[in-house]
Protein backbone atom coordinates (compact mmCIF):
# COMPACT_ATOMS: atom_id res chain seq x y z
CA UNK A 1 -55.01 -45.47 18.01
CA UNK A 2 -56.92 -44.17 15.01
CA UNK A 3 -54.04 -45.40 12.83
CA UNK A 4 -54.66 -49.01 13.83
CA UNK A 5 -56.68 -51.88 12.43
CA UNK A 6 -57.73 -54.45 15.03
CA UNK A 7 -58.45 -58.01 13.97
CA UNK A 8 -59.92 -60.97 15.81
CA UNK A 9 -60.05 -60.68 19.59
CA UNK A 10 -57.74 -57.64 19.91
CA UNK A 11 -59.12 -54.60 21.73
CA UNK A 12 -57.91 -51.44 23.47
CA UNK A 13 -58.10 -51.03 27.24
CA UNK A 14 -59.03 -47.71 28.80
CA UNK A 15 -55.42 -47.12 29.84
CA UNK A 16 -54.20 -47.33 26.24
CA UNK A 17 -52.83 -50.86 26.41
CA UNK A 18 -53.70 -53.08 23.45
CA UNK A 19 -54.82 -56.54 24.55
CA UNK A 20 -54.40 -59.09 21.80
CA UNK A 21 -56.15 -62.12 23.25
CA UNK A 22 -59.45 -62.68 24.99
CA UNK A 23 -60.04 -62.70 28.75
CA UNK A 24 -63.12 -63.13 30.90
CA UNK A 25 -65.22 -60.13 31.95
CA UNK A 26 -62.89 -59.40 34.87
CA UNK A 27 -59.94 -59.03 32.52
CA UNK A 28 -57.82 -61.39 34.58
CA UNK A 29 -58.59 -64.88 33.25
CA UNK A 30 -57.26 -65.60 29.75
CA UNK A 31 -59.35 -67.71 27.40
CA UNK A 32 -58.44 -70.65 25.18
CA UNK A 33 -58.08 -70.59 21.39
CA UNK A 34 -57.97 -66.81 21.05
CA UNK A 35 -56.28 -64.85 18.26
CA UNK A 36 -55.91 -61.10 17.99
CA UNK A 37 -53.87 -58.82 15.76
CA UNK A 38 -53.18 -55.12 15.36
CA UNK A 39 -52.07 -53.67 12.02
CA UNK A 40 -50.88 -50.26 10.98
CA UNK A 41 -53.68 -48.89 8.81
CA UNK A 42 -51.47 -47.55 6.00
CA UNK A 43 -49.48 -49.87 3.72
CA UNK A 44 -45.70 -49.64 3.99
CA UNK A 45 -43.67 -49.20 0.79
CA UNK A 46 -41.10 -51.98 1.11
CA UNK A 47 -39.31 -51.87 -2.24
CA UNK A 48 -39.40 -50.60 -5.80
CA UNK A 49 -37.61 -51.62 -9.00
CA UNK A 50 -34.12 -51.01 -7.63
CA UNK A 51 -34.43 -50.18 -3.96
CA UNK A 52 -35.29 -51.87 -0.70
CA UNK A 53 -36.47 -50.41 2.58
CA UNK A 54 -34.60 -50.40 5.83
CA UNK A 55 -36.89 -50.46 8.86
CA UNK A 56 -36.85 -50.52 12.61
CA UNK A 57 -39.58 -51.19 15.12
CA UNK A 58 -39.72 -51.12 18.91
CA UNK A 59 -42.42 -52.98 20.80
CA UNK A 60 -43.00 -53.01 24.55
CA UNK A 61 -45.16 -55.89 25.65
CA UNK A 62 -46.00 -58.11 28.59
CA UNK A 63 -47.25 -61.69 28.72
CA UNK A 64 -49.05 -62.46 31.97
CA UNK A 65 -49.97 -65.92 33.21
CA UNK A 66 -50.88 -67.76 36.37
CA UNK A 67 -49.44 -71.20 35.64
CA UNK A 68 -46.11 -72.69 34.63
CA UNK A 69 -47.19 -73.50 31.08
CA UNK A 70 -48.29 -70.23 29.44
CA UNK A 71 -49.18 -69.98 25.77
CA UNK A 72 -48.57 -69.04 23.18
CA UNK A 73 -46.80 -65.75 22.50
CA UNK A 74 -46.56 -62.61 20.39
CA UNK A 75 -45.19 -62.02 16.88
CA UNK A 76 -44.30 -58.99 14.78
CA UNK A 77 -45.00 -59.66 11.11
CA UNK A 78 -44.96 -58.29 7.58
CA UNK A 79 -47.58 -59.58 5.15
CA UNK A 80 -49.55 -58.55 2.03
CA UNK A 81 -51.90 -55.58 2.31
CA UNK A 82 -55.03 -57.73 2.42
CA UNK A 83 -53.78 -59.96 5.22
CA UNK A 84 -56.41 -61.52 7.48
CA UNK A 85 -56.30 -64.02 10.32
CA UNK A 86 -55.70 -67.47 8.77
CA UNK A 87 -57.96 -70.38 9.62
CA UNK A 88 -56.40 -72.57 12.30
CA UNK A 89 -53.90 -69.92 13.39
CA UNK A 90 -54.59 -70.17 17.12
CA UNK A 91 -52.02 -71.65 19.46
CA UNK A 92 -48.51 -72.15 18.13
CA UNK A 93 -49.36 -70.63 14.75
CA UNK A 94 -49.44 -67.30 16.61
CA UNK A 95 -52.19 -65.74 14.51
CA UNK A 96 -50.08 -65.58 11.34
CA UNK A 97 -49.82 -69.12 9.97
CA UNK A 98 -52.67 -71.47 8.99
CA UNK A 99 -53.09 -75.03 10.24
CA UNK A 100 -50.33 -76.26 7.93
CA UNK A 101 -47.83 -73.93 9.61
CA UNK A 102 -46.61 -72.32 6.39
CA UNK A 103 -47.74 -69.26 4.47
CA UNK A 104 -46.19 -67.55 1.46
CA UNK A 105 -45.29 -63.86 1.72
CA UNK A 106 -45.05 -63.71 5.51
CA UNK A 107 -41.95 -62.74 7.49
CA UNK A 108 -42.16 -62.62 11.27
CA UNK A 109 -40.29 -62.39 14.53
CA UNK A 110 -41.90 -64.51 17.24
CA UNK A 111 -41.65 -64.32 21.01
CA UNK A 112 -42.79 -67.84 21.79
CA UNK A 113 -43.50 -68.90 25.36
CA UNK A 114 -44.86 -72.39 24.64
CA UNK A 115 -42.88 -75.32 23.28
CA UNK A 116 -44.82 -77.08 20.52
CA UNK A 117 -42.88 -80.30 20.21
CA UNK A 118 -43.74 -80.92 16.56
CA UNK A 119 -41.83 -77.89 15.27
CA UNK A 120 -40.39 -75.76 18.08
CA UNK A 121 -36.96 -76.10 19.65
CA UNK A 122 -37.01 -77.59 23.13
CA UNK A 123 -37.10 -74.19 24.83
CA UNK A 124 -39.04 -70.95 24.92
CA UNK A 125 -37.52 -68.77 22.27
CA UNK A 126 -37.31 -65.71 20.09
CA UNK A 127 -37.38 -66.84 16.47
CA UNK A 128 -37.13 -65.43 12.97
CA UNK A 129 -39.78 -66.96 10.71
CA UNK A 130 -39.60 -66.95 6.91
CA UNK A 131 -42.93 -68.16 5.47
CA UNK A 132 -43.13 -70.88 8.13
CA UNK A 133 -43.63 -71.39 11.86
CA UNK A 134 -40.38 -73.40 11.78
CA UNK A 135 -38.03 -70.61 12.79
CA UNK A 136 -34.90 -70.17 10.69
CA UNK A 137 -32.93 -68.88 13.68
CA UNK A 138 -33.75 -68.89 17.39
CA UNK A 139 -32.37 -67.92 20.75
CA UNK A 140 -33.59 -69.18 24.09
CA UNK A 141 -35.38 -66.75 26.37
CA UNK A 142 -37.29 -66.89 29.63
CA UNK A 143 -40.66 -65.20 29.86
CA UNK A 144 -41.57 -64.11 33.39
CA UNK A 145 -45.22 -63.37 34.03
CA UNK A 146 -45.98 -59.65 33.81
CA UNK A 147 -42.41 -58.80 32.84
CA UNK A 148 -42.16 -55.85 30.45
CA UNK A 149 -40.15 -56.78 27.36
CA UNK A 150 -38.71 -54.13 25.05
CA UNK A 151 -38.06 -55.67 21.65
CA UNK A 152 -36.12 -53.83 18.94
CA UNK A 153 -36.31 -55.33 15.47
CA UNK A 154 -34.17 -53.98 12.64
CA UNK A 155 -33.86 -54.80 8.96
CA UNK A 156 -30.75 -53.55 7.17
CA UNK A 157 -31.45 -53.42 3.44
CA UNK A 158 -27.75 -53.12 2.55
CA UNK A 159 -26.83 -56.38 4.28
CA UNK A 160 -30.30 -57.99 4.02
CA UNK A 161 -29.97 -58.66 7.73
CA UNK A 162 -32.88 -59.07 10.14
CA UNK A 163 -31.90 -58.66 13.78
CA UNK A 164 -33.70 -58.68 17.11
CA UNK A 165 -32.68 -57.43 20.53
CA UNK A 166 -35.06 -57.94 23.43
CA UNK A 167 -34.54 -56.64 26.94
CA UNK A 168 -36.65 -58.01 29.76
CA UNK A 169 -37.24 -55.84 32.82
CA UNK A 170 -38.78 -57.45 35.91
CA UNK A 171 -41.94 -55.45 36.68
CA UNK A 172 -40.63 -52.61 34.51
CA UNK A 173 -37.54 -51.96 36.64
CA UNK A 174 -34.14 -51.23 35.13
CA UNK A 175 -32.33 -53.60 37.47
CA UNK A 176 -31.59 -57.24 36.73
CA UNK A 177 -32.32 -56.74 33.05
CA UNK A 178 -31.56 -59.53 30.61
CA UNK A 179 -30.96 -58.98 26.90
CA UNK A 180 -31.53 -61.59 24.19
CA UNK A 181 -30.37 -61.24 20.59
CA UNK A 182 -30.84 -63.14 17.34
CA UNK A 183 -29.72 -62.25 13.81
CA UNK A 184 -30.45 -63.84 10.44
CA UNK A 185 -28.66 -62.86 7.22
CA UNK A 186 -29.57 -63.12 3.54
CA UNK A 187 -33.20 -62.14 4.10
CA UNK A 188 -34.16 -60.64 0.75
CA UNK A 189 -37.54 -59.09 1.45
CA UNK A 190 -37.89 -58.07 -2.19
CA UNK A 191 -38.26 -61.72 -3.21
CA UNK A 192 -40.34 -62.69 -0.19
CA UNK A 193 -42.90 -59.89 0.03
CA UNK A 194 -44.93 -57.65 -2.30
CA UNK A 195 -43.94 -54.05 -2.96
CA UNK A 196 -46.45 -52.74 -0.42
CA UNK A 197 -47.07 -54.61 2.82
CA UNK A 198 -48.82 -54.27 6.12
CA UNK A 199 -46.96 -54.53 9.40
CA UNK A 200 -48.61 -55.89 12.50
CA UNK A 201 -48.40 -57.62 15.85
CA UNK A 202 -50.30 -60.79 16.67
CA UNK A 203 -50.93 -62.87 19.76
CA UNK A 204 -52.57 -66.23 20.32
CA UNK A 205 -53.61 -68.80 22.89
CA UNK A 206 -54.41 -72.47 22.36
CA UNK A 207 -55.31 -75.08 24.94
CA UNK A 208 -52.90 -73.30 27.27
CA UNK A 209 -53.32 -69.58 27.85
CA UNK A 210 -51.83 -66.22 28.85
CA UNK A 211 -52.71 -62.53 28.59
CA UNK A 212 -50.87 -60.74 25.75
CA UNK A 213 -50.60 -56.95 26.11
CA UNK A 214 -48.88 -54.35 23.91
CA UNK A 215 -47.70 -51.35 25.92
CA UNK A 216 -46.33 -49.32 23.00
CA UNK A 217 -45.25 -49.70 19.39
CA UNK A 218 -43.04 -47.58 17.13
CA UNK A 219 -42.28 -48.31 13.49
CA UNK A 220 -40.18 -46.41 10.95
CA UNK A 221 -38.99 -47.30 7.46
CA UNK A 222 -37.31 -45.64 4.52
CA UNK A 223 -36.17 -46.64 1.06
CA UNK A 224 -32.40 -46.57 0.89
CA UNK A 225 -30.22 -45.01 -1.78
CA UNK A 226 -32.63 -42.33 -2.95
CA UNK A 227 -32.12 -38.57 -2.77
CA UNK A 228 -35.42 -37.96 -1.06
CA UNK A 229 -36.02 -40.58 1.58
CA UNK A 230 -39.54 -41.89 1.67
CA UNK A 231 -40.58 -42.53 5.23
CA UNK A 232 -43.44 -44.41 6.83
CA UNK A 233 -43.47 -43.47 10.50
CA UNK A 234 -45.89 -44.28 13.24
CA UNK A 235 -46.24 -44.15 16.98
CA UNK A 236 -48.76 -46.51 18.47
CA UNK A 237 -49.88 -45.98 22.05
CA UNK A 238 -47.92 -44.00 24.58
CA UNK A 239 -45.95 -45.60 27.36
CA UNK A 240 -48.24 -46.41 30.25
């Protein structure tokens, strides 16, 4: 975990799990209005004058709660190198958007377990966010407490396509798995983001709460159409 930058309330447990949001001393009672983020310490080269990176990331996470109204969720995001936690980003802003709900130069995939009626669809969802908490594309999903979710996020530079596939495994088992997918085209990261970015994962609670844990994280990117591929690879936490 030496390759990580932790922001806000995020911290590492002894077993290697990264906990994004605050709990009480027992580690079992989530707290309100908590925001935590983990960033890869090295900037990622996203594009140059004529090329754009393709990337893939795999995140295994679990959201644990004790009531029927958990909040708020987890998001994978790309942002400028100097990104910090915005003011007012707790709750449905998921640690990446300020109070206004919009932020230039931010692209994210959210795994949202709380329906904020002002901007969310009327269901828990996976959403693709382009500079706003108002997702451009969503798919409905059901978050079961403690369920391990394996999310695979891919960006294809040739097609400018951002796609997500998330498989939910009850208590980590391979039976009764459900897979959710969402794809959004015409995402030109070269016009949305600076040449070098940071990648990260955020989690947040608001007035409603849950525990947000990252079990493992893998990220890989390379600039396409060059003789010598430039790669930014990382492995974050082992499976536990």
